[in-house]
C-alpha cells in the first residue's frame, strides 16, 4: 500500500478525526494500516480510512432533494387550500340544472332544487333512523374484540421481546414444529367442517375442496423443505435474534417514537385527503348533446387532474420518507448503543437521532425515499403489464431490463440509510462507503441473515394463530355469534399479525444496523461489543470476495 512506503504517523495525521474536512474518520492504527486484507495497490488509499459514529455536529446533506420535497408538499397544501375556497357549491346538483336553448348554457332551476333538497333530507333522515335503530350484535362483538386485541398487542410485543432476549433457543425450537402443525390442523379442520356443513358443501363441490386441500399441503411441504434446507443455520440465527433482541430492549423508547411517527403520517395525510375531496368541487356544469338531446354535465377544471397527480405523488413519497425515517431513527439509536461503553446506554440517543432525521439528514432520507418510491411504482407497473399482456419478446426484454434496474437500485439502497444514520454522510457517499466498507472486510453487501426474518415471521404466525383460536373459544362461550365468530377471530388474527409484523420489521432493522456497526468495528480492528463479534463473525463472507480470494491464494 502506498502509505506503507512512508511514515504511518503522517498518514494518520492527515486523516485525523479532528480535521474539519474529515469529521467522520477516526485515526487509523498502525496495525490496521499493515493489515494484509487491505493491501490493494489498485485502490484509492482514502478508501482505507476508518469510519466511526459521528457524535459531533453534522452538516446538511442532499439539500436539492430536501428543497424538492418541500416544494411538492407546499404545492400540495397551497393548491389544496385554493381548491377549498374556489370550490363550486353547486357540485352534485346536476338534476337542478336544465339546458337553456336561448343562452345555449346550463341554467339552475331553483324550485326543483328546493323540492329535491327537501326530499333528499327527508329520505336521508328516514334511512338514518332505520340504521340507528338497528342494533347489531356482530358489530358490537367485532369492535370490542378488535379494541381488546389492540390493547393486548402492546404487552404482547414486550413479552415476545423479553422471551426472544432470554429464551431465544427455546422459543425457536418450540415454534419450529408448530410452523407445520398449525397449517396442517387448519387445513384439515376447514376441509372436515366444510364437508359436514350442507351450505358449504353445496357451494364448494368435493373436487374443489380436495384441490384446495392438496394445494395447501403442497405449500406446507415447501415450508418443510425450507426448514430442512436451512437447518444448519438455525443456531446462528438464534444467536443473531438474541443479540438483536438485547439491543432493542436497551432502546424501548423506540416503541413509543415509531408509532408516533406513523400517527404523524396519518395526521399529515388527513388534510391532503380533504384537499382531494374538495378538488372535485372545482368545475362547472356544461351542456352536452347526445342523440339530439341536450343535458347538463359536470366538468372539472383543467388543473384538477394535475393536482390529483401531484397530491398522490406527494403522498407516496411521504410514505417512503416516513419508512426510511423510521429506519434512520432505529439505526441511529442502536449505533449509539453499540459504540457506547460497556453496560451503558447514551442519554437522549433517540432524541439525537430524531433531531438528525428531521434536520441535517432529512435530504438524505428524501433521496432514499424517492428511490424506494420509484422502485415500488415501476415494479407495480411491470407486474401489471405482465398480467395484462404476458406474451411478446419485446415485453419480455423490457421486463428483464426493468427487473435488472430495480435490482440494482435495491442493491444500492441496502444498508445505505443505516450508514447515513451512523456517519451523517450524503446518500451517494454513504452508498459508496458502505460498499467499500463491506467489500474490504470480506462481508456481503446484500446478505445478512434472511433465515432470521423467516423464523420471526413464523413465530408471529404461530403466536397470532394461537391468539385467534383463544379468541374464537371465548366468543363461542360468551356470545351467540354462531358462524360469525370465525370471522371475528380471523379479523383479530389479522390485526395482531399487523402489529407483530411491525415488531419484526423493527427487529430486522436492528439486525442490519448491528451488521454495519460490526463491519465498522472490524474495519478499525476494534471490539465495542464482544457478544456481537462472537455471533456475526460466523456470517458467510461475500461470494464475490470469496471468488477473488481463491486465485490469489493459488498464486501465493
Protein backbone atom coordinates (compact mmCIF):
# COMPACT_ATOMS: atom_id res chain seq x y z
CA UNK A 1 0.00 0.00 0.00
CA UNK A 2 1.21 3.50 -0.73
CA UNK A 3 1.05 4.55 2.87
CA UNK A 4 3.46 1.82 3.92
CA UNK A 5 6.29 3.39 1.93
CA UNK A 6 6.36 6.45 4.17
CA UNK A 7 5.76 7.28 7.79
CA UNK A 8 2.46 5.85 9.01
CA UNK A 9 2.10 8.67 11.52
CA UNK A 10 1.98 11.20 8.70
CA UNK A 11 -0.82 9.27 7.02
CA UNK A 12 -2.73 9.14 10.29
CA UNK A 13 -2.19 12.84 10.95
CA UNK A 14 -3.59 13.83 7.57
CA UNK A 15 -6.84 11.96 8.23
CA UNK A 16 -7.24 12.61 11.92
CA UNK A 17 -10.81 12.78 13.26
CA UNK A 18 -10.14 16.34 14.43
CA UNK A 19 -9.76 17.51 10.85
CA UNK A 20 -12.78 19.60 9.87
CA UNK A 21 -12.66 18.25 6.32
CA UNK A 22 -12.96 14.65 7.51
CA UNK A 23 -15.02 14.74 10.74
CA UNK A 24 -16.17 11.12 10.44
CA UNK A 25 -12.78 9.47 10.02
CA UNK A 26 -11.07 8.29 13.15
CA UNK A 27 -7.33 7.94 13.47
CA UNK A 28 -6.21 4.61 11.97
CA UNK A 29 -4.00 2.34 13.99
CA UNK A 30 -0.65 1.08 12.73
CA UNK A 31 -1.87 -2.50 12.84
CA UNK A 32 -4.81 -1.57 10.69
CA UNK A 33 -2.51 0.03 8.14
CA UNK A 34 -0.39 -3.09 7.97
CA UNK A 35 -3.37 -5.44 7.71
CA UNK A 36 -2.86 -7.75 4.71
CA UNK A 37 -6.57 -7.79 3.79
CA UNK A 38 -6.35 -4.09 2.92
CA UNK A 39 -3.42 -4.43 0.56
CA UNK A 40 -4.79 -3.49 -2.84
CA UNK A 41 -2.36 -1.44 -4.93
CA UNK A 42 -5.03 -0.51 -7.45
CA UNK A 43 -7.38 1.02 -4.87
CA UNK A 44 -7.56 4.57 -3.68
CA UNK A 45 -5.80 4.89 -0.28
CA UNK A 46 -8.62 7.03 1.06
CA UNK A 47 -10.94 4.03 0.99
CA UNK A 48 -8.97 2.55 3.90
CA UNK A 49 -9.85 5.40 6.22
CA UNK A 50 -11.53 4.13 9.35
CA UNK A 51 -15.13 5.11 9.96
CA UNK A 52 -16.72 5.87 13.30
CA UNK A 53 -20.01 7.16 14.65
CA UNK A 54 -20.35 10.90 14.25
CA UNK A 55 -21.38 12.16 17.69
CA UNK A 56 -20.49 15.74 16.78
CA UNK A 57 -22.44 18.36 14.86
CA UNK A 58 -23.46 17.39 11.34
CA UNK A 59 -23.91 19.42 8.18
CA UNK A 60 -26.95 19.44 5.90
CA UNK A 61 -26.71 16.90 3.07
CA UNK A 62 -28.64 16.37 -0.18
CA UNK A 63 -30.20 19.82 0.02
CA UNK A 64 -31.63 19.79 -3.56
CA UNK A 65 -33.81 16.78 -2.75
CA UNK A 66 -34.85 18.39 0.52
CA UNK A 67 -35.95 21.51 -1.35
CA UNK A 68 -37.73 19.43 -3.99
CA UNK A 69 -39.69 17.51 -1.35
CA UNK A 70 -40.59 20.73 0.46
CA UNK A 71 -41.71 22.27 -2.84
CA UNK A 72 -44.03 19.33 -3.53
CA UNK A 73 -45.52 19.45 -0.04
CA UNK A 74 -46.04 23.23 -0.13
CA UNK A 75 -47.57 22.99 -3.61
CA UNK A 76 -49.92 20.24 -2.49
CA UNK A 77 -51.12 22.22 0.51
CA UNK A 78 -51.23 25.51 -1.38
CA UNK A 79 -53.36 24.23 -4.25
CA UNK A 80 -55.43 22.24 -1.76
CA UNK A 81 -56.33 25.36 0.21
CA UNK A 82 -57.11 27.08 -3.08
CA UNK A 83 -59.44 24.22 -4.04
CA UNK A 84 -61.44 24.71 -0.83
CA UNK A 85 -62.03 28.43 -1.32
CA UNK A 86 -62.51 28.11 -5.09
CA UNK A 87 -64.98 25.21 -4.94
CA UNK A 88 -68.35 25.30 -6.66
CA UNK A 89 -71.09 24.82 -4.07
CA UNK A 90 -73.47 23.51 -6.76
CA UNK A 91 -71.45 20.31 -7.26
CA UNK A 92 -73.71 17.26 -7.13
CA UNK A 93 -76.84 19.17 -8.19
CA UNK A 94 -76.90 18.16 -11.84
CA UNK A 95 -80.62 17.37 -11.65
CA UNK A 96 -81.33 21.00 -10.74
CA UNK A 97 -79.74 22.30 -13.97
CA UNK A 98 -81.51 22.42 -17.31
CA UNK A 99 -80.31 23.37 -20.74
CA UNK A 100 -81.42 26.82 -21.87
CA UNK A 101 -81.76 26.99 -25.68
CA UNK A 102 -81.77 30.79 -25.60
CA UNK A 103 -78.37 31.21 -23.98
CA UNK A 104 -77.06 27.77 -25.05
CA UNK A 105 -75.92 27.12 -21.48
CA UNK A 106 -76.99 25.32 -18.32
CA UNK A 107 -79.34 27.28 -16.05
CA UNK A 108 -80.21 26.42 -12.47
CA UNK A 109 -83.82 25.57 -11.65
CA UNK A 110 -84.24 26.95 -8.13
CA UNK A 111 -87.72 25.49 -7.49
CA UNK A 112 -86.67 21.96 -8.31
CA UNK A 113 -83.59 22.34 -6.13
CA UNK A 114 -85.63 23.20 -3.05
CA UNK A 115 -88.02 20.30 -3.61
CA UNK A 116 -85.24 17.81 -4.31
CA UNK A 117 -83.20 19.07 -1.37
CA UNK A 118 -86.17 18.69 0.94
CA UNK A 119 -86.91 15.23 -0.37
CA UNK A 120 -83.29 14.12 -0.06
CA UNK A 121 -83.13 15.47 3.50
CA UNK A 122 -86.33 13.66 4.44
CA UNK A 123 -85.23 10.39 2.83
CA UNK A 124 -81.80 10.58 4.45
CA UNK A 125 -83.44 11.19 7.84
CA UNK A 126 -85.59 8.10 7.39
CA UNK A 127 -82.63 5.99 6.35
CA UNK A 128 -80.56 7.27 9.27
CA UNK A 129 -83.35 6.37 11.65
CA UNK A 130 -83.54 2.87 10.20
CA UNK A 131 -79.80 2.37 10.51
CA UNK A 132 -79.57 3.86 14.01
CA UNK A 133 -82.45 1.71 15.23
CA UNK A 134 -80.72 -1.49 14.16
CA UNK A 135 -78.56 -2.97 16.89
CA UNK A 136 -76.09 -5.50 15.51
CA UNK A 137 -74.60 -8.00 17.92
CA UNK A 138 -71.94 -8.83 15.37
CA UNK A 139 -70.69 -5.24 15.16
CA UNK A 140 -70.52 -4.88 18.94
CA UNK A 141 -68.54 -8.09 19.38
CA UNK A 142 -66.27 -7.21 16.46
CA UNK A 143 -65.48 -3.73 17.80
CA UNK A 144 -64.84 -4.95 21.33
CA UNK A 145 -62.67 -7.82 20.11
CA UNK A 146 -60.52 -5.55 17.95
CA UNK A 147 -60.17 -2.97 20.72
CA UNK A 148 -59.11 -5.62 23.24
CA UNK A 149 -56.70 -7.12 20.70
CA UNK A 150 -55.13 -3.73 20.03
CA UNK A 151 -54.71 -3.08 23.76
CA UNK A 152 -53.26 -6.53 24.44
CA UNK A 153 -50.87 -6.27 21.49
CA UNK A 154 -48.66 -3.82 23.41
CA UNK A 155 -47.79 -6.13 26.34
CA UNK A 156 -47.80 -8.99 23.84
CA UNK A 157 -44.95 -7.38 21.88
CA UNK A 158 -42.95 -6.66 25.03
CA UNK A 159 -43.44 -10.24 26.20
CA UNK A 160 -42.22 -11.58 22.86
CA UNK A 161 -39.19 -9.28 23.02
CA UNK A 162 -38.25 -10.45 26.52
CA UNK A 163 -38.73 -14.09 25.58
CA UNK A 164 -36.55 -13.67 22.49
CA UNK A 165 -33.91 -11.95 24.59
CA UNK A 166 -33.65 -14.56 27.35
CA UNK A 167 -35.09 -17.75 25.84
CA UNK A 168 -34.42 -17.44 22.13
CA UNK A 169 -33.36 -21.04 21.62
CA UNK A 170 -36.33 -22.47 23.49
CA UNK A 171 -38.81 -20.23 21.65
CA UNK A 172 -37.39 -21.04 18.22
CA UNK A 173 -37.22 -24.80 18.71
CA UNK A 174 -40.69 -24.83 20.28
CA UNK A 175 -42.21 -22.89 17.37
CA UNK A 176 -40.46 -24.76 14.54
CA UNK A 177 -42.77 -27.83 14.74
CA UNK A 178 -45.77 -25.52 15.03
CA UNK A 179 -44.82 -23.94 11.67
CA UNK A 180 -46.06 -27.23 10.18
CA UNK A 181 -48.59 -28.47 12.75
CA UNK A 182 -50.74 -25.35 12.74
CA UNK A 183 -51.20 -25.18 8.94
CA UNK A 184 -51.95 -28.92 8.83
CA UNK A 185 -54.54 -28.55 11.60
CA UNK A 186 -56.29 -25.59 9.98
CA UNK A 187 -56.20 -27.27 6.57
CA UNK A 188 -57.80 -30.49 7.82
CA UNK A 189 -60.24 -28.61 10.08
CA UNK A 190 -61.71 -26.44 7.32
CA UNK A 191 -61.98 -29.44 5.00
CA UNK A 192 -63.90 -31.51 7.54
CA UNK A 193 -66.06 -28.57 8.66
CA UNK A 194 -66.94 -27.67 5.07
CA UNK A 195 -67.76 -31.28 4.28
CA UNK A 196 -70.10 -31.58 7.27
CA UNK A 197 -71.81 -28.25 6.56
CA UNK A 198 -74.59 -28.59 3.95
CA UNK A 199 -74.34 -24.97 2.79
CA UNK A 200 -70.55 -25.07 2.41
CA UNK A 201 -70.54 -28.47 0.67
CA UNK A 202 -73.19 -27.27 -1.78
CA UNK A 203 -71.30 -24.06 -2.55
CA UNK A 204 -67.93 -25.84 -2.90
CA UNK A 205 -68.06 -29.28 -4.56
CA UNK A 206 -65.93 -32.14 -3.29
CA UNK A 207 -63.48 -31.95 -6.20
CA UNK A 208 -62.69 -28.29 -5.47
CA UNK A 209 -62.34 -28.99 -1.77
CA UNK A 210 -59.83 -31.75 -2.45
CA UNK A 211 -57.95 -29.49 -4.86
CA UNK A 212 -57.62 -26.75 -2.25
CA UNK A 213 -56.62 -29.33 0.39
CA UNK A 214 -53.84 -30.72 -1.81
CA UNK A 215 -52.64 -27.22 -2.76
CA UNK A 216 -52.31 -26.18 0.90
CA UNK A 217 -50.43 -29.40 1.66
CA UNK A 218 -48.02 -28.57 -1.16
CA UNK A 219 -47.37 -25.19 0.44
CA UNK A 220 -46.77 -26.93 3.78
CA UNK A 221 -44.31 -29.22 2.01
CA UNK A 222 -42.42 -26.17 0.72
CA UNK A 223 -42.26 -24.81 4.28
CA UNK A 224 -40.84 -28.13 5.50
CA UNK A 225 -38.26 -28.08 2.69
CA UNK A 226 -37.18 -24.52 3.62
CA UNK A 227 -36.74 -25.54 7.27
CA UNK A 228 -34.70 -28.65 6.36
CA UNK A 229 -32.55 -26.77 3.81
CA UNK A 230 -31.64 -24.07 6.35
CA UNK A 231 -31.33 -26.31 9.39
CA UNK A 232 -27.55 -25.85 9.57
CA UNK A 233 -28.05 -22.10 10.07
CA UNK A 234 -30.63 -22.33 12.85
CA UNK A 235 -28.10 -21.95 15.67
CA UNK A 236 -26.53 -18.87 14.08
CA UNK A 237 -29.98 -17.40 13.51
CA UNK A 238 -30.90 -17.95 17.15
CA UNK A 239 -27.79 -16.07 18.29
CA UNK A 240 -28.46 -13.20 15.85
CA UNK A 241 -32.05 -12.83 17.09
CA UNK A 242 -30.87 -12.93 20.70
CA UNK A 243 -28.29 -10.18 20.13
CA UNK A 244 -30.79 -8.00 18.24
CA UNK A 245 -33.44 -8.50 20.95
CA UNK A 246 -30.95 -7.47 23.62
CA UNK A 247 -30.05 -4.32 21.67
CA UNK A 248 -33.71 -3.47 21.12
CA UNK A 249 -34.50 -3.99 24.81
CA UNK A 250 -31.93 -1.28 25.61
CA UNK A 251 -33.89 1.17 23.42
CA UNK A 252 -37.51 0.51 24.39
CA UNK A 253 -38.45 4.14 23.72
CA UNK A 254 -38.38 3.23 20.04
CA UNK A 255 -41.74 1.52 20.57
CA UNK A 256 -43.13 4.92 21.53
CA UNK A 257 -41.38 7.04 18.91
CA UNK A 258 -42.01 4.81 15.88
CA UNK A 259 -45.81 4.53 16.33
CA UNK A 260 -45.91 8.29 16.93
CA UNK A 261 -44.14 8.81 13.61
CA UNK A 262 -46.74 6.62 11.93
CA UNK A 263 -49.51 8.55 13.66
CA UNK A 264 -47.90 11.78 12.50
CA UNK A 265 -48.02 10.49 8.92
CA UNK A 266 -51.75 9.80 9.31
CA UNK A 267 -52.33 13.32 10.64
CA UNK A 268 -50.25 14.68 7.78
CA UNK A 269 -52.36 12.70 5.29
CA UNK A 270 -55.69 13.93 6.68
CA UNK A 271 -55.67 17.44 5.13
CA UNK A 272 -54.38 16.07 1.81
CA UNK A 273 -57.33 13.69 1.65
CA UNK A 274 -59.64 16.63 2.40
CA UNK A 275 -57.98 18.62 -0.38
CA UNK A 276 -58.50 15.74 -2.82
CA UNK A 277 -62.20 15.65 -1.94
CA UNK A 278 -62.66 19.39 -2.38
CA UNK A 279 -60.65 19.39 -5.60
CA UNK A 280 -63.55 17.55 -7.24
CA UNK A 281 -65.81 20.51 -6.40
CA UNK A 282 -63.83 22.79 -8.70
CA UNK A 283 -65.64 22.97 -12.03
CA UNK A 284 -68.94 23.89 -13.62
CA UNK A 285 -71.94 22.41 -15.43
CA UNK A 286 -71.60 22.40 -19.20
CA UNK A 287 -74.10 21.34 -21.86
CA UNK A 288 -73.71 18.02 -23.62
CA UNK A 289 -75.55 16.70 -26.68
CA UNK A 290 -76.49 13.06 -27.14
CA UNK A 291 -78.76 11.84 -29.96
CA UNK A 292 -80.21 15.30 -30.45
CA UNK A 293 -80.98 15.75 -26.73
CA UNK A 294 -79.18 18.30 -24.59
CA UNK A 295 -78.40 17.79 -20.92
CA UNK A 296 -76.09 19.29 -18.29
CA UNK A 297 -72.94 17.51 -17.13
CA UNK A 298 -70.32 18.38 -14.50
CA UNK A 299 -66.88 19.21 -15.88
CA UNK A 300 -63.86 19.59 -13.61
CA UNK A 301 -61.40 22.41 -14.11
CA UNK A 302 -58.38 21.55 -16.21
CA UNK A 303 -55.96 21.78 -13.27
CA UNK A 304 -57.79 19.21 -11.10
CA UNK A 305 -56.28 16.05 -12.71
CA UNK A 306 -52.81 17.57 -12.43
CA UNK A 307 -53.44 18.31 -8.76
CA UNK A 308 -54.53 14.72 -8.20
CA UNK A 309 -51.26 13.51 -9.69
CA UNK A 310 -49.29 15.98 -7.57
CA UNK A 311 -51.07 15.01 -4.36
CA UNK A 312 -50.75 11.26 -4.96
CA UNK A 313 -47.04 11.63 -5.79
CA UNK A 314 -46.54 13.66 -2.61
CA UNK A 315 -48.36 11.04 -0.53
CA UNK A 316 -46.34 8.17 -1.99
CA UNK A 317 -43.04 9.97 -1.49
CA UNK A 318 -44.05 10.99 2.04
CA UNK A 319 -44.88 7.39 2.89
CA UNK A 320 -41.49 6.21 1.65
CA UNK A 321 -39.79 9.05 3.53
CA UNK A 322 -41.53 8.04 6.75
CA UNK A 323 -40.46 4.41 6.32
CA UNK A 324 -36.86 5.46 5.76
CA UNK A 325 -37.03 7.90 8.66
CA UNK A 326 -38.03 5.07 10.97
CA UNK A 327 -35.05 3.05 9.72
CA UNK A 328 -32.82 6.09 10.27
CA UNK A 329 -34.03 6.61 13.85
CA UNK A 330 -33.62 2.91 14.67
CA UNK A 331 -30.13 2.84 13.16
CA UNK A 332 -29.03 5.98 14.97
CA UNK A 333 -30.25 4.78 18.37
CA UNK A 334 -28.83 1.27 18.01
CA UNK A 335 -25.48 2.58 16.70
CA UNK A 336 -25.13 4.91 19.68
CA UNK A 337 -25.78 1.97 21.99
CA UNK A 338 -23.26 -0.16 20.09
CA UNK A 339 -20.39 2.35 20.19
CA UNK A 340 -21.01 3.37 23.80
CA UNK A 341 -19.10 1.98 26.73
CA UNK A 342 -19.95 -1.42 28.08
CA UNK A 343 -23.24 -1.66 30.03
CA UNK A 344 -24.12 1.97 29.36
CA UNK A 345 -26.75 3.50 27.12
CA UNK A 346 -26.23 7.09 25.89
CA UNK A 347 -28.76 9.56 27.18
CA UNK A 348 -31.12 11.14 24.66
CA UNK A 349 -29.87 8.86 21.88
CA UNK A 350 -33.33 8.62 20.30
CA UNK A 351 -33.80 12.38 20.59
CA UNK A 352 -30.46 12.87 18.86
CA UNK A 353 -31.49 10.52 16.04
CA UNK A 354 -34.79 12.34 15.63
CA UNK A 355 -33.02 15.69 15.51
CA UNK A 356 -30.67 14.45 12.80
CA UNK A 357 -33.50 12.80 10.87
CA UNK A 358 -35.66 15.92 10.77
CA UNK A 359 -32.65 18.20 10.41
CA UNK A 360 -29.30 17.68 8.71
CA UNK A 361 -30.06 14.26 7.20
CA UNK A 362 -33.63 14.91 6.06
CA UNK A 363 -32.44 15.44 2.49
CA UNK A 364 -30.67 12.07 2.56
CA UNK A 365 -33.85 10.42 3.80
CA UNK A 366 -35.75 12.11 0.97
CA UNK A 367 -33.33 10.66 -1.60
CA UNK A 368 -33.70 7.17 -0.18
CA UNK A 369 -37.48 7.52 0.00
CA UNK A 370 -37.63 8.75 -3.60
CA UNK A 371 -35.63 5.76 -4.84
CA UNK A 372 -37.84 3.35 -2.91
CA UNK A 373 -40.96 5.07 -4.24
CA UNK A 374 -39.69 4.81 -7.82
CA UNK A 375 -38.80 1.15 -7.38
CA UNK A 376 -42.23 0.29 -5.95
CA UNK A 377 -44.14 2.19 -8.63
CA UNK A 378 -42.11 0.81 -11.54
CA UNK A 379 -42.34 -2.70 -10.13
CA UNK A 380 -46.11 -2.37 -9.83
CA UNK A 381 -46.31 -1.15 -13.43
CA UNK A 382 -44.16 -4.05 -14.65
CA UNK A 383 -46.25 -6.61 -12.75
CA UNK A 384 -49.46 -5.09 -14.06
CA UNK A 385 -48.15 -5.14 -17.64
CA UNK A 386 -47.12 -8.77 -17.25
CA UNK A 387 -50.62 -9.74 -16.13
CA UNK A 388 -52.33 -7.84 -18.95
CA UNK A 389 -50.02 -8.84 -21.82
CA UNK A 390 -47.70 -11.69 -20.82
CA UNK A 391 -46.66 -12.58 -24.37
CA UNK A 392 -44.19 -10.97 -26.73
CA UNK A 393 -40.41 -10.87 -26.90
CA UNK A 394 -40.38 -7.08 -26.53
CA UNK A 395 -42.33 -7.22 -23.29
CA UNK A 396 -40.03 -9.94 -22.01
CA UNK A 397 -36.91 -7.87 -22.75
CA UNK A 398 -38.42 -4.77 -21.17
CA UNK A 399 -39.36 -6.72 -18.04
CA UNK A 400 -35.86 -8.16 -17.78
CA UNK A 401 -34.30 -4.70 -18.12
CA UNK A 402 -36.72 -3.22 -15.60
CA UNK A 403 -36.06 -6.03 -13.10
CA UNK A 404 -32.30 -5.61 -13.54
CA UNK A 405 -32.59 -1.86 -12.90
CA UNK A 406 -34.82 -2.36 -9.88
CA UNK A 407 -32.48 -4.99 -8.50
CA UNK A 408 -29.55 -2.58 -8.90
CA UNK A 409 -31.45 0.13 -7.00
CA UNK A 410 -32.30 -2.32 -4.21
CA UNK A 411 -28.64 -3.33 -4.08
CA UNK A 412 -27.61 0.34 -3.91
CA UNK A 413 -30.09 1.14 -1.15
CA UNK A 414 -29.14 -1.82 1.05
CA UNK A 415 -27.54 -0.58 4.30
CA UNK A 416 -27.14 2.94 2.86
CA UNK A 417 -29.62 4.64 5.19
CA UNK A 418 -28.14 2.70 8.14
CA UNK A 419 -24.70 4.01 7.28
CA UNK A 420 -26.01 7.55 6.80
CA UNK A 421 -27.58 7.45 10.27
CA UNK A 422 -24.22 6.45 11.73
CA UNK A 423 -21.98 8.89 9.86
CA UNK A 424 -24.27 11.68 8.69
CA UNK A 425 -22.89 11.49 5.16
CA UNK A 426 -24.84 12.21 1.97
CA UNK A 427 -26.74 9.43 0.24
CA UNK A 428 -24.31 8.76 -2.63
CA UNK A 429 -21.30 8.99 -0.32
CA UNK A 430 -22.95 6.61 2.13
CA UNK A 431 -23.76 4.12 -0.61
CA UNK A 432 -20.17 4.14 -1.88
CA UNK A 433 -18.56 3.99 1.57
CA UNK A 434 -20.89 1.19 2.68
CA UNK A 435 -19.99 -0.92 -0.33
CA UNK A 436 -16.26 -0.30 0.16
CA UNK A 437 -16.51 -0.96 3.89
CA UNK A 438 -18.18 -4.32 3.43
CA UNK A 439 -16.07 -5.32 0.44
CA UNK A 440 -12.69 -4.78 2.06
CA UNK A 441 -13.84 -6.59 5.20
CA UNK A 442 -14.98 -9.63 3.18
CA UNK A 443 -18.62 -9.06 4.09
CA UNK A 444 -21.63 -9.32 1.82
CA UNK A 445 -23.38 -6.12 0.77
CA UNK A 446 -26.69 -7.89 0.18
CA UNK A 447 -26.82 -10.71 2.73
CA UNK A 448 -27.08 -10.59 6.50
CA UNK A 449 -29.25 -13.46 7.66
CA UNK A 450 -32.51 -13.98 5.81
CA UNK A 451 -33.37 -17.03 7.90
CA UNK A 452 -33.89 -14.79 10.93
CA UNK A 453 -36.67 -12.93 9.12
CA UNK A 454 -38.36 -16.17 8.11
CA UNK A 455 -38.17 -17.59 11.63
CA UNK A 456 -39.50 -14.38 13.17
CA UNK A 457 -42.34 -14.39 10.64
CA UNK A 458 -43.13 -17.98 11.57
CA UNK A 459 -43.13 -17.14 15.27
CA UNK A 460 -45.50 -14.25 14.60
CA UNK A 461 -47.82 -16.58 12.67
CA UNK A 462 -47.82 -19.20 15.44
CA UNK A 463 -48.47 -16.75 18.27
CA UNK A 464 -51.16 -14.86 16.40
CA UNK A 465 -52.83 -18.12 15.34
CA UNK A 466 -52.88 -19.31 18.96
CA UNK A 467 -54.44 -15.99 19.96
CA UNK A 468 -57.06 -16.34 17.21
CA UNK A 469 -58.01 -19.81 18.45
CA UNK A 470 -58.33 -18.50 22.01
CA UNK A 471 -60.43 -15.57 20.77
CA UNK A 472 -62.75 -17.91 18.90
CA UNK A 473 -63.17 -20.11 22.01
CA UNK A 474 -64.03 -17.10 24.17
CA UNK A 475 -66.54 -15.77 21.63
CA UNK A 476 -68.21 -19.15 21.37
CA UNK A 477 -68.57 -19.24 25.14
CA UNK A 478 -69.80 -15.72 25.87
CA UNK A 479 -71.77 -14.79 22.74
CA UNK A 480 -74.26 -16.26 20.32
CA UNK A 481 -72.48 -15.20 17.13
CA UNK A 482 -72.52 -18.67 15.69
CA UNK A 483 -70.55 -18.94 12.48
CA UNK A 484 -69.72 -15.21 12.62
CA UNK A 485 -67.34 -15.97 15.48
CA UNK A 486 -64.91 -17.36 12.87
CA UNK A 487 -64.90 -14.07 11.01
CA UNK A 488 -64.30 -12.06 14.20
CA UNK A 489 -61.45 -14.36 15.21
CA UNK A 490 -59.87 -14.06 11.74
CA UNK A 491 -60.03 -10.25 11.88
CA UNK A 492 -58.46 -10.27 15.36
CA UNK A 493 -55.76 -12.57 14.00
CA UNK A 494 -55.05 -10.19 11.12
CA UNK A 495 -54.85 -7.18 13.46
CA UNK A 496 -52.39 -8.93 15.75
CA UNK A 497 -50.33 -10.04 12.76
CA UNK A 498 -50.07 -6.42 11.58
CA UNK A 499 -48.82 -5.27 14.99
CA UNK A 500 -46.35 -8.14 15.34
CA UNK A 501 -45.19 -7.66 11.74
CA UNK A 502 -44.24 -4.11 12.70
CA UNK A 503 -42.26 -5.56 15.61
CA UNK A 504 -40.47 -7.94 13.23
CA UNK A 505 -39.72 -5.04 10.87
CA UNK A 506 -38.08 -3.11 13.72
CA UNK A 507 -36.05 -6.15 14.77
CA UNK A 508 -34.87 -6.66 11.17
CA UNK A 509 -33.65 -3.05 11.05
CA UNK A 510 -31.80 -3.63 14.31
CA UNK A 511 -30.09 -6.70 12.81
CA UNK A 512 -28.99 -4.70 9.75
CA UNK A 513 -27.70 -1.83 11.89
CA UNK A 514 -25.67 -4.14 14.12
CA UNK A 515 -24.24 -5.72 10.96
CA UNK A 516 -22.99 -2.34 9.73
CA UNK A 517 -21.62 -1.49 13.20
CA UNK A 518 -19.83 -4.83 13.30
CA UNK A 519 -18.27 -4.07 9.90
CA UNK A 520 -17.06 -0.70 11.20
CA UNK A 521 -15.58 -2.41 14.26
CA UNK A 522 -13.88 -4.99 12.08
CA UNK A 523 -12.55 -2.26 9.82
CA UNK A 524 -10.94 -0.49 12.76
CA UNK A 525 -9.71 -3.68 14.39
CA UNK A 526 -11.76 -2.75 17.46
CA UNK A 527 -14.31 -4.62 19.58
CA UNK A 528 -17.06 -2.44 21.05
CA UNK A 529 -19.48 -5.27 21.77
CA UNK A 530 -17.80 -8.63 22.29
CA UNK A 531 -21.06 -10.57 22.24
CA UNK A 532 -21.83 -9.19 18.79
CA UNK A 533 -18.46 -10.19 17.37
CA UNK A 534 -18.84 -13.71 18.73
CA UNK A 535 -22.03 -14.09 16.68
CA UNK A 536 -21.55 -12.06 13.50
CA UNK A 537 -18.09 -13.47 12.84
CA UNK A 538 -19.83 -16.69 11.73
CA UNK A 539 -21.73 -14.97 8.93
CA UNK A 540 -20.65 -16.06 5.42
CA UNK A 541 -18.26 -13.80 3.53
CA UNK A 542 -19.14 -12.14 0.26
CA UNK A 543 -19.30 -14.55 -2.67
CA UNK A 544 -17.53 -12.11 -4.99
CA UNK A 545 -14.77 -11.67 -2.44
CA UNK A 546 -14.52 -15.42 -1.94
CA UNK A 547 -14.12 -15.98 -5.68
CA UNK A 548 -11.39 -13.34 -5.88
CA UNK A 549 -9.52 -14.82 -2.91
CA UNK A 550 -9.18 -18.28 -4.50
CA UNK A 551 -6.92 -17.24 -7.41
CA UNK A 552 -4.90 -15.01 -5.09
CA UNK A 553 -4.32 -17.94 -2.75
CA UNK A 554 -3.29 -20.18 -5.66
CA UNK A 555 -0.83 -17.55 -6.91
CA UNK A 556 0.63 -17.21 -3.46
